[in-house]
Amino acid sequence: VFRVKDVIRGRRQVRLQREYTRNETCPFIQKKIRLKQQYSTADYSALRVAHVAIDVTEFLVAVTERDPSGQTVRTWQGSLGMPAHRLPTEGTMLLLRPSLWSRLVAELAGDALGALQSTERLLCSLFPTISGPCDAQDFSSGVERLPTGEYAIFLYDLVYDGVDLAKIAFGKIGELVEKSLERLSACSCPDDEGCFRCIANPRVDERVSKAATRQLLQAIAEVLRSETPTIAQSERDWSADLQIADYMTCRRCNTSVSRSARFCPNCG
């Protein structure tokens, strides 16, 4: 294998050193999702489902090196000089109203946020069951607390400006939630912490609970089953895309670059 010793962005060079090791490195990336516009909405008493335009910004926060047993050998904190990656795209938002979220927090206590994140991973992993065959690298998901204080799950396209892939979930969110409940019930792992086939996070050690996740999914499913939503559509507000217009694509590396920037933050 090779270990990265240096990255010279101005020259677009990466310096490597050959090394004989069985260790692996794992990056820890943090997401920030900014809601820009809601094109179509389906409002329930305790939920909102919407086709949305968003900005997804990813930050490298740490890199961990682990040996074959999974033991951490070394951790590098910070971005290590890697610039943040910004992706303007589209997708589907599932927003929990304060009435529902407050009830779940009271019932689940410290497991509420973990259950929301586990639900996000389930919805994302099972998305191809409602969309049809698609590449897992074409879509992703995230949980975000909006400026209003409300929590929302986002399924979005991993393509600049979107390709209407994750939009499919807007009309099939009930089916996707039901399939997530089926996956929890069908998984044979005995522990409440779950496994990688259901709710365990393969990238981060965090507190998760199958029982709490099931309770949250059942609460969402109950609202979707029992209510007829109020549907609303809005024309695209092009003013919401003015920030995108302030960016251009670098001809050398295709990174999104501000028009006011003197050079590309990725390749110089």
C-alpha atoms as a PDB file:
ATOM      1  CA  VAL A   1       0.000   0.000   0.000  1.00  0.00           C
ATOM      2  CA  PHE A   2       0.972   3.653  -0.159  1.00  0.00           C
ATOM      3  CA  ARG A   3       0.749   6.330   2.540  1.00  0.00           C
ATOM      4  CA  VAL A   4       0.051   9.923   1.509  1.00  0.00           C
ATOM      5  CA  LYS A   5       2.923  12.123   2.665  1.00  0.00           C
ATOM      6  CA  ASP A   6       1.996  15.435   1.081  1.00  0.00           C
ATOM      7  CA  VAL A   7      -0.553  17.082  -1.209  1.00  0.00           C
ATOM      8  CA  ILE A   8       0.631  19.987  -3.377  1.00  0.00           C
ATOM      9  CA  ARG A   9      -2.551  21.532  -4.707  1.00  0.00           C
ATOM     10  CA  GLY A  10      -0.930  24.218  -6.826  1.00  0.00           C
ATOM     11  CA  ARG A  11       0.916  21.546  -8.816  1.00  0.00           C
ATOM     12  CA  ARG A  12      -1.874  18.980  -8.566  1.00  0.00           C
ATOM     13  CA  GLN A  13       0.596  16.494  -7.052  1.00  0.00           C
ATOM     14  CA  VAL A  14       0.228  13.858  -4.327  1.00  0.00           C
ATOM     15  CA  ARG A  15       3.405  12.472  -2.781  1.00  0.00           C
ATOM     16  CA  LEU A  16       3.202   8.835  -1.650  1.00  0.00           C
ATOM     17  CA  GLN A  17       5.423   6.478   0.303  1.00  0.00           C
ATOM     18  CA  ARG A  18       5.323   2.701  -0.104  1.00  0.00           C
ATOM     19  CA  GLU A  19       4.507   0.952   3.161  1.00  0.00           C
ATOM     20  CA  TYR A  20       3.842  -2.665   4.150  1.00  0.00           C
ATOM     21  CA  THR A  21       0.852  -2.630   6.490  1.00  0.00           C
ATOM     22  CA  ARG A  22      -2.609  -4.119   6.894  1.00  0.00           C
ATOM     23  CA  ASN A  23      -3.960  -0.965   8.522  1.00  0.00           C
ATOM     24  CA  GLU A  24      -6.775   1.016   6.935  1.00  0.00           C
ATOM     25  CA  THR A  25      -7.782   4.660   7.186  1.00  0.00           C
ATOM     26  CA  CYS A  26     -11.338   5.906   7.619  1.00  0.00           C
ATOM     27  CA  PRO A  27     -12.407   9.548   7.071  1.00  0.00           C
ATOM     28  CA  PHE A  28     -15.067  11.157   9.249  1.00  0.00           C
ATOM     29  CA  ILE A  29     -17.103  13.673   7.271  1.00  0.00           C
ATOM     30  CA  GLN A  30     -19.650  16.109   8.657  1.00  0.00           C
ATOM     31  CA  LYS A  31     -22.554  17.416   6.566  1.00  0.00           C
ATOM     32  CA  LYS A  32     -24.427  20.684   6.663  1.00  0.00           C
ATOM     33  CA  ILE A  33     -27.658  20.846   4.646  1.00  0.00           C
ATOM     34  CA  ARG A  34     -29.217  24.209   3.815  1.00  0.00           C
ATOM     35  CA  LEU A  35     -32.835  24.220   2.665  1.00  0.00           C
ATOM     36  CA  LYS A  36     -33.277  26.697  -0.216  1.00  0.00           C
ATOM     37  CA  GLN A  37     -36.703  26.078  -1.708  1.00  0.00           C
ATOM     38  CA  GLN A  38     -39.720  23.750  -1.475  1.00  0.00           C
ATOM     39  CA  TYR A  39     -41.247  23.031  -4.891  1.00  0.00           C
ATOM     40  CA  SER A  40     -44.023  20.619  -3.876  1.00  0.00           C
ATOM     41  CA  THR A  41     -45.276  19.923  -0.359  1.00  0.00           C
ATOM     42  CA  ALA A  42     -47.552  17.348   1.266  1.00  0.00           C
ATOM     43  CA  ASP A  43     -48.623  18.576   4.701  1.00  0.00           C
ATOM     44  CA  TYR A  44     -49.859  16.301   7.485  1.00  0.00           C
ATOM     45  CA  SER A  45     -50.746  17.229  11.049  1.00  0.00           C
ATOM     46  CA  ALA A  46     -47.318  16.192  12.339  1.00  0.00           C
ATOM     47  CA  LEU A  47     -45.215  15.829   9.163  1.00  0.00           C
ATOM     48  CA  ARG A  48     -44.286  17.584   5.974  1.00  0.00           C
ATOM     49  CA  VAL A  49     -42.975  15.791   2.888  1.00  0.00           C
ATOM     50  CA  ALA A  50     -41.502  18.062   0.226  1.00  0.00           C
ATOM     51  CA  HIS A  51     -39.578  18.095  -3.041  1.00  0.00           C
ATOM     52  CA  VAL A  52     -36.810  20.565  -2.242  1.00  0.00           C
ATOM     53  CA  ALA A  53     -33.726  22.360  -3.470  1.00  0.00           C
ATOM     54  CA  ILE A  54     -30.810  22.234  -1.024  1.00  0.00           C
ATOM     55  CA  ASP A  55     -27.114  22.963  -0.617  1.00  0.00           C
ATOM     56  CA  VAL A  56     -25.062  20.131   0.893  1.00  0.00           C
ATOM     57  CA  THR A  57     -21.651  21.068   2.286  1.00  0.00           C
ATOM     58  CA  GLU A  58     -19.284  18.336   3.478  1.00  0.00           C
ATOM     59  CA  PHE A  59     -16.351  18.939   5.835  1.00  0.00           C
ATOM     60  CA  LEU A  60     -13.552  16.528   6.695  1.00  0.00           C
ATOM     61  CA  VAL A  61     -13.313  16.552  10.510  1.00  0.00           C
ATOM     62  CA  ALA A  62     -10.884  13.683  11.190  1.00  0.00           C
ATOM     63  CA  VAL A  63      -9.102  10.662   9.741  1.00  0.00           C
ATOM     64  CA  THR A  64      -8.599   7.499  11.781  1.00  0.00           C
ATOM     65  CA  GLU A  65      -6.123   4.681  11.114  1.00  0.00           C
ATOM     66  CA  ARG A  66      -7.160   1.234  12.360  1.00  0.00           C
ATOM     67  CA  ASP A  67      -5.437  -2.128  12.480  1.00  0.00           C
ATOM     68  CA  PRO A  68      -7.091  -5.354  11.197  1.00  0.00           C
ATOM     69  CA  SER A  69      -8.705  -5.954  14.615  1.00  0.00           C
ATOM     70  CA  GLY A  70     -10.448  -2.591  14.459  1.00  0.00           C
ATOM     71  CA  GLN A  71      -8.232  -1.008  17.117  1.00  0.00           C
ATOM     72  CA  THR A  72      -7.506   2.681  16.529  1.00  0.00           C
ATOM     73  CA  VAL A  73      -3.802   3.229  15.860  1.00  0.00           C
ATOM     74  CA  ARG A  74      -3.787   6.950  15.202  1.00  0.00           C
ATOM     75  CA  THR A  75      -6.209   9.816  14.652  1.00  0.00           C
ATOM     76  CA  TRP A  76      -5.646  13.038  12.741  1.00  0.00           C
ATOM     77  CA  GLN A  77      -8.045  15.823  13.752  1.00  0.00           C
ATOM     78  CA  GLY A  78      -9.174  18.650  11.521  1.00  0.00           C
ATOM     79  CA  SER A  79      -9.596  19.084   7.775  1.00  0.00           C
ATOM     80  CA  LEU A  80      -5.909  18.325   7.018  1.00  0.00           C
ATOM     81  CA  GLY A  81      -6.026  21.134   4.479  1.00  0.00           C
ATOM     82  CA  MET A  82      -8.926  19.624   2.522  1.00  0.00           C
ATOM     83  CA  PRO A  83     -11.417  22.294   1.390  1.00  0.00           C
ATOM     84  CA  ALA A  84     -15.120  21.878   2.071  1.00  0.00           C
ATOM     85  CA  HIS A  85     -17.159  20.431  -0.793  1.00  0.00           C
ATOM     86  CA  ARG A  86     -20.413  22.190  -1.683  1.00  0.00           C
ATOM     87  CA  LEU A  87     -23.120  20.506  -3.764  1.00  0.00           C
ATOM     88  CA  PRO A  88     -26.284  22.320  -4.878  1.00  0.00           C
ATOM     89  CA  THR A  89     -28.852  19.610  -5.573  1.00  0.00           C
ATOM     90  CA  GLU A  90     -32.475  18.494  -5.181  1.00  0.00           C
ATOM     91  CA  GLY A  91     -34.271  15.745  -3.307  1.00  0.00           C
ATOM     92  CA  THR A  92     -37.027  14.857  -0.854  1.00  0.00           C
ATOM     93  CA  MET A  93     -37.430  16.171   2.690  1.00  0.00           C
ATOM     94  CA  LEU A  94     -39.297  14.412   5.513  1.00  0.00           C
ATOM     95  CA  LEU A  95     -39.817  17.003   8.259  1.00  0.00           C
ATOM     96  CA  LEU A  96     -41.088  16.175  11.757  1.00  0.00           C
ATOM     97  CA  ARG A  97     -43.343  18.841  13.233  1.00  0.00           C
ATOM     98  CA  PRO A  98     -42.574  19.990  16.822  1.00  0.00           C
ATOM     99  CA  SER A  99     -45.708  18.242  18.151  1.00  0.00           C
ATOM    100  CA  LEU A 100     -44.499  14.823  16.971  1.00  0.00           C
ATOM    101  CA  TRP A 101     -40.821  15.372  17.766  1.00  0.00           C
ATOM    102  CA  SER A 102     -41.530  16.644  21.296  1.00  0.00           C
ATOM    103  CA  ARG A 103     -43.641  13.557  22.014  1.00  0.00           C
ATOM    104  CA  LEU A 104     -40.937  11.236  20.701  1.00  0.00           C
ATOM    105  CA  VAL A 105     -38.227  12.991  22.730  1.00  0.00           C
ATOM    106  CA  ALA A 106     -40.338  12.571  25.865  1.00  0.00           C
ATOM    107  CA  GLU A 107     -40.941   8.872  25.135  1.00  0.00           C
ATOM    108  CA  LEU A 108     -37.468   7.932  23.862  1.00  0.00           C
ATOM    109  CA  ALA A 109     -35.359  10.279  26.004  1.00  0.00           C
ATOM    110  CA  GLY A 110     -31.710  10.018  24.974  1.00  0.00           C
ATOM    111  CA  ASP A 111     -32.474   7.593  22.129  1.00  0.00           C
ATOM    112  CA  ALA A 112     -34.560  10.048  20.068  1.00  0.00           C
ATOM    113  CA  LEU A 113     -31.798  11.591  17.935  1.00  0.00           C
ATOM    114  CA  GLY A 114     -30.102   8.229  17.431  1.00  0.00           C
ATOM    115  CA  ALA A 115     -33.420   6.774  16.278  1.00  0.00           C
ATOM    116  CA  LEU A 116     -33.812   9.641  13.785  1.00  0.00           C
ATOM    117  CA  GLN A 117     -30.333   9.006  12.378  1.00  0.00           C
ATOM    118  CA  SER A 118     -30.998   5.260  12.192  1.00  0.00           C
ATOM    119  CA  THR A 119     -34.237   5.987  10.336  1.00  0.00           C
ATOM    120  CA  GLU A 120     -32.311   8.141   7.878  1.00  0.00           C
ATOM    121  CA  ARG A 121     -29.882   5.296   7.147  1.00  0.00           C
ATOM    122  CA  LEU A 122     -32.734   2.829   6.676  1.00  0.00           C
ATOM    123  CA  LEU A 123     -34.602   5.116   4.277  1.00  0.00           C
ATOM    124  CA  CYS A 124     -31.428   5.700   2.276  1.00  0.00           C
ATOM    125  CA  SER A 125     -30.392   2.043   2.093  1.00  0.00           C
ATOM    126  CA  LEU A 126     -33.885   0.970   0.985  1.00  0.00           C
ATOM    127  CA  PHE A 127     -34.439   3.812  -1.492  1.00  0.00           C
ATOM    128  CA  PRO A 128     -33.613   1.566  -4.529  1.00  0.00           C
ATOM    129  CA  THR A 129     -36.592  -0.642  -3.562  1.00  0.00           C
ATOM    130  CA  ILE A 130     -38.970   2.180  -4.539  1.00  0.00           C
ATOM    131  CA  SER A 131     -36.916   3.854  -7.274  1.00  0.00           C
ATOM    132  CA  GLY A 132     -35.878   0.766  -9.207  1.00  0.00           C
ATOM    133  CA  PRO A 133     -32.268  -0.223  -9.929  1.00  0.00           C
ATOM    134  CA  CYS A 134     -29.878   2.677  -9.430  1.00  0.00           C
ATOM    135  CA  ASP A 135     -26.270   3.254  -8.411  1.00  0.00           C
ATOM    136  CA  ALA A 136     -25.776   3.813  -4.682  1.00  0.00           C
ATOM    137  CA  GLN A 137     -23.275   6.561  -5.553  1.00  0.00           C
ATOM    138  CA  ASP A 138     -26.019   8.594  -7.253  1.00  0.00           C
ATOM    139  CA  PHE A 139     -27.873   9.499  -4.034  1.00  0.00           C
ATOM    140  CA  SER A 140     -27.281  10.073  -0.342  1.00  0.00           C
ATOM    141  CA  SER A 141     -29.048  11.257   2.806  1.00  0.00           C
ATOM    142  CA  GLY A 142     -28.640  13.337   5.919  1.00  0.00           C
ATOM    143  CA  VAL A 143     -30.353  14.639   9.047  1.00  0.00           C
ATOM    144  CA  GLU A 144     -30.455  18.374   9.669  1.00  0.00           C
ATOM    145  CA  ARG A 145     -31.925  20.662  12.303  1.00  0.00           C
ATOM    146  CA  LEU A 146     -33.446  23.584  10.417  1.00  0.00           C
ATOM    147  CA  PRO A 147     -33.265  27.239  11.569  1.00  0.00           C
ATOM    148  CA  THR A 148     -36.869  26.798  12.798  1.00  0.00           C
ATOM    149  CA  GLY A 149     -35.649  24.157  15.262  1.00  0.00           C
ATOM    150  CA  GLU A 150     -37.426  21.350  13.385  1.00  0.00           C
ATOM    151  CA  TYR A 151     -35.595  18.155  12.441  1.00  0.00           C
ATOM    152  CA  ALA A 152     -35.738  16.794   8.905  1.00  0.00           C
ATOM    153  CA  ILE A 153     -34.422  13.812   6.958  1.00  0.00           C
ATOM    154  CA  PHE A 154     -33.193  14.548   3.433  1.00  0.00           C
ATOM    155  CA  LEU A 155     -32.767  12.111   0.542  1.00  0.00           C
ATOM    156  CA  TYR A 156     -30.897  13.868  -2.256  1.00  0.00           C
ATOM    157  CA  ASP A 157     -29.128  13.390  -5.585  1.00  0.00           C
ATOM    158  CA  LEU A 158     -25.331  13.240  -5.551  1.00  0.00           C
ATOM    159  CA  VAL A 159     -25.333  15.133  -8.844  1.00  0.00           C
ATOM    160  CA  TYR A 160     -24.810  18.855  -9.333  1.00  0.00           C
ATOM    161  CA  ASP A 161     -28.275  20.503  -9.497  1.00  0.00           C
ATOM    162  CA  GLY A 162     -29.952  17.064  -9.232  1.00  0.00           C
ATOM    163  CA  VAL A 163     -31.358  14.652 -11.803  1.00  0.00           C
ATOM    164  CA  ASP A 164     -34.831  14.036 -10.264  1.00  0.00           C
ATOM    165  CA  LEU A 165     -33.773  10.693  -8.764  1.00  0.00           C
ATOM    166  CA  ALA A 166     -34.427  11.258  -5.042  1.00  0.00           C
ATOM    167  CA  LYS A 167     -37.551  13.215  -6.014  1.00  0.00           C
ATOM    168  CA  ILE A 168     -39.213   9.799  -6.467  1.00  0.00           C
ATOM    169  CA  ALA A 169     -39.397   9.463  -2.675  1.00  0.00           C
ATOM    170  CA  PHE A 170     -41.776  12.448  -2.493  1.00  0.00           C
ATOM    171  CA  GLY A 171     -44.660  10.385  -3.876  1.00  0.00           C
ATOM    172  CA  LYS A 172     -43.581   7.086  -2.293  1.00  0.00           C
ATOM    173  CA  ILE A 173     -42.477   8.073   1.202  1.00  0.00           C
ATOM    174  CA  GLY A 174     -45.185   5.927   2.826  1.00  0.00           C
ATOM    175  CA  GLU A 175     -44.005   2.851   0.936  1.00  0.00           C
ATOM    176  CA  LEU A 176     -40.400   3.585   1.911  1.00  0.00           C
ATOM    177  CA  VAL A 177     -41.285   3.910   5.609  1.00  0.00           C
ATOM    178  CA  GLU A 178     -43.221   0.618   5.499  1.00  0.00           C
ATOM    179  CA  LYS A 179     -40.255  -1.158   3.911  1.00  0.00           C
ATOM    180  CA  SER A 180     -38.007   0.214   6.657  1.00  0.00           C
ATOM    181  CA  LEU A 181     -40.310  -1.256   9.295  1.00  0.00           C
ATOM    182  CA  GLU A 182     -40.265  -4.573   7.457  1.00  0.00           C
ATOM    183  CA  ARG A 183     -36.458  -4.556   7.434  1.00  0.00           C
ATOM    184  CA  LEU A 184     -36.350  -4.026  11.206  1.00  0.00           C
ATOM    185  CA  SER A 185     -38.827  -6.856  11.802  1.00  0.00           C
ATOM    186  CA  ALA A 186     -37.076  -9.238   9.414  1.00  0.00           C
ATOM    187  CA  CYS A 187     -33.562  -8.673  10.768  1.00  0.00           C
ATOM    188  CA  SER A 188     -32.542 -11.616  12.958  1.00  0.00           C
ATOM    189  CA  CYS A 189     -29.870  -9.874  15.042  1.00  0.00           C
ATOM    190  CA  PRO A 190     -30.670 -10.486  18.745  1.00  0.00           C
ATOM    191  CA  ASP A 191     -29.379  -7.273  20.312  1.00  0.00           C
ATOM    192  CA  ASP A 192     -31.185  -3.945  20.563  1.00  0.00           C
ATOM    193  CA  GLU A 193     -28.054  -2.233  19.162  1.00  0.00           C
ATOM    194  CA  GLY A 194     -28.790  -3.893  15.830  1.00  0.00           C
ATOM    195  CA  CYS A 195     -26.339  -4.875  13.119  1.00  0.00           C
ATOM    196  CA  PHE A 196     -25.099  -3.483   9.810  1.00  0.00           C
ATOM    197  CA  ARG A 197     -28.092  -5.062   8.018  1.00  0.00           C
ATOM    198  CA  CYS A 198     -30.508  -2.861   9.959  1.00  0.00           C
ATOM    199  CA  ILE A 199     -29.477   0.185  12.006  1.00  0.00           C
ATOM    200  CA  ALA A 200     -25.822  -0.071  13.111  1.00  0.00           C
ATOM    201  CA  ASN A 201     -23.617   2.683  11.706  1.00  0.00           C
ATOM    202  CA  PRO A 202     -20.542   1.171  10.008  1.00  0.00           C
ATOM    203  CA  ARG A 203     -18.633   4.468  10.144  1.00  0.00           C
ATOM    204  CA  VAL A 204     -19.255   5.872  13.613  1.00  0.00           C
ATOM    205  CA  ASP A 205     -19.639   4.303  17.038  1.00  0.00           C
ATOM    206  CA  GLU A 206     -22.888   5.775  18.325  1.00  0.00           C
ATOM    207  CA  ARG A 207     -25.749   4.815  20.590  1.00  0.00           C
ATOM    208  CA  VAL A 208     -28.557   3.228  18.549  1.00  0.00           C
ATOM    209  CA  SER A 209     -31.666   1.258  19.506  1.00  0.00           C
ATOM    210  CA  LYS A 210     -33.859  -0.955  17.342  1.00  0.00           C
ATOM    211  CA  ALA A 211     -36.794  -0.460  19.698  1.00  0.00           C
ATOM    212  CA  ALA A 212     -36.495   3.335  19.580  1.00  0.00           C
ATOM    213  CA  THR A 213     -36.071   3.327  15.796  1.00  0.00           C
ATOM    214  CA  ARG A 214     -39.123   1.099  15.398  1.00  0.00           C
ATOM    215  CA  GLN A 215     -41.182   3.404  17.627  1.00  0.00           C
ATOM    216  CA  LEU A 216     -40.179   6.462  15.584  1.00  0.00           C
ATOM    217  CA  LEU A 217     -40.921   4.727  12.277  1.00  0.00           C
ATOM    218  CA  GLN A 218     -44.281   3.512  13.567  1.00  0.00           C
ATOM    219  CA  ALA A 219     -45.189   7.058  14.623  1.00  0.00           C
ATOM    220  CA  ILE A 220     -44.349   8.362  11.133  1.00  0.00           C
ATOM    221  CA  ALA A 221     -46.165   5.473   9.440  1.00  0.00           C
ATOM    222  CA  GLU A 222     -49.288   6.033  11.530  1.00  0.00           C
ATOM    223  CA  VAL A 223     -49.531   9.647  10.358  1.00  0.00           C
ATOM    224  CA  LEU A 224     -48.944   8.700   6.704  1.00  0.00           C
ATOM    225  CA  ARG A 225     -51.520   5.874   6.839  1.00  0.00           C
ATOM    226  CA  SER A 226     -54.312   7.711   8.617  1.00  0.00           C
ATOM    227  CA  GLU A 227     -54.278  11.168   7.033  1.00  0.00           C
ATOM    228  CA  THR A 228     -54.838  12.658   3.601  1.00  0.00           C
ATOM    229  CA  PRO A 229     -52.206  15.337   3.015  1.00  0.00           C
ATOM    230  CA  THR A 230     -52.739  18.857   1.778  1.00  0.00           C
ATOM    231  CA  ILE A 231     -50.788  19.121  -1.479  1.00  0.00           C
ATOM    232  CA  ALA A 232     -49.310  22.416  -2.657  1.00  0.00           C
ATOM    233  CA  GLN A 233     -46.983  23.306  -5.511  1.00  0.00           C
ATOM    234  CA  SER A 234     -44.996  26.440  -6.183  1.00  0.00           C
ATOM    235  CA  GLU A 235     -43.274  27.668  -9.303  1.00  0.00           C
ATOM    236  CA  ARG A 236     -39.512  27.603  -9.197  1.00  0.00           C
ATOM    237  CA  ASP A 237     -38.196  30.749  -7.555  1.00  0.00           C
ATOM    238  CA  TRP A 238     -35.126  31.537  -9.603  1.00  0.00           C
ATOM    239  CA  SER A 239     -33.977  34.042  -6.995  1.00  0.00           C
ATOM    240  CA  ALA A 240     -33.203  31.031  -4.801  1.00  0.00           C
ATOM    241  CA  ASP A 241     -30.583  30.047  -7.381  1.00  0.00           C
ATOM    242  CA  LEU A 242     -28.753  33.373  -7.381  1.00  0.00           C
ATOM    243  CA  GLN A 243     -26.150  31.932  -5.039  1.00  0.00           C
ATOM    244  CA  ILE A 244     -25.510  29.152  -7.540  1.00  0.00           C
ATOM    245  CA  ALA A 245     -25.075  31.794 -10.254  1.00  0.00           C
ATOM    246  CA  ASP A 246     -22.260  33.275  -8.167  1.00  0.00           C
ATOM    247  CA  TYR A 247     -20.329  30.046  -8.704  1.00  0.00           C
ATOM    248  CA  MET A 248     -18.627  28.547 -11.721  1.00  0.00           C
ATOM    249  CA  THR A 249     -16.970  25.211 -12.424  1.00  0.00           C
ATOM    250  CA  CYS A 250     -13.187  24.948 -12.533  1.00  0.00           C
ATOM    251  CA  ARG A 251     -12.170  23.785 -16.020  1.00  0.00           C
ATOM    252  CA  ARG A 252      -9.337  21.653 -14.642  1.00  0.00           C
ATOM    253  CA  CYS A 253     -10.953  19.748 -11.762  1.00  0.00           C
ATOM    254  CA  ASN A 254     -14.725  20.542 -12.014  1.00  0.00           C
ATOM    255  CA  THR A 255     -14.838  21.950  -8.471  1.00  0.00           C
ATOM    256  CA  SER A 256     -17.489  24.612  -7.729  1.00  0.00           C
ATOM    257  CA  VAL A 257     -15.616  27.937  -7.390  1.00  0.00           C
ATOM    258  CA  SER A 258     -16.900  31.376  -6.421  1.00  0.00           C
ATOM    259  CA  ARG A 259     -16.665  33.841  -9.298  1.00  0.00           C
ATOM    260  CA  SER A 260     -14.947  36.277  -6.954  1.00  0.00           C
ATOM    261  CA  ALA A 261     -12.198  33.758  -6.102  1.00  0.00           C
ATOM    262  CA  ARG A 262      -8.736  34.429  -7.517  1.00  0.00           C
ATOM    263  CA  PHE A 263      -7.926  30.732  -7.842  1.00  0.00           C
ATOM    264  CA  CYS A 264      -9.507  27.274  -7.422  1.00  0.00           C
ATOM    265  CA  PRO A 265      -9.319  26.091  -3.785  1.00  0.00           C
ATOM    266  CA  ASN A 266      -8.847  22.507  -5.012  1.00  0.00           C
ATOM    267  CA  CYS A 267      -6.178  22.664  -7.692  1.00  0.00           C
ATOM    268  CA  GLY A 268      -4.877  26.233  -7.488  1.00  0.00           C
END
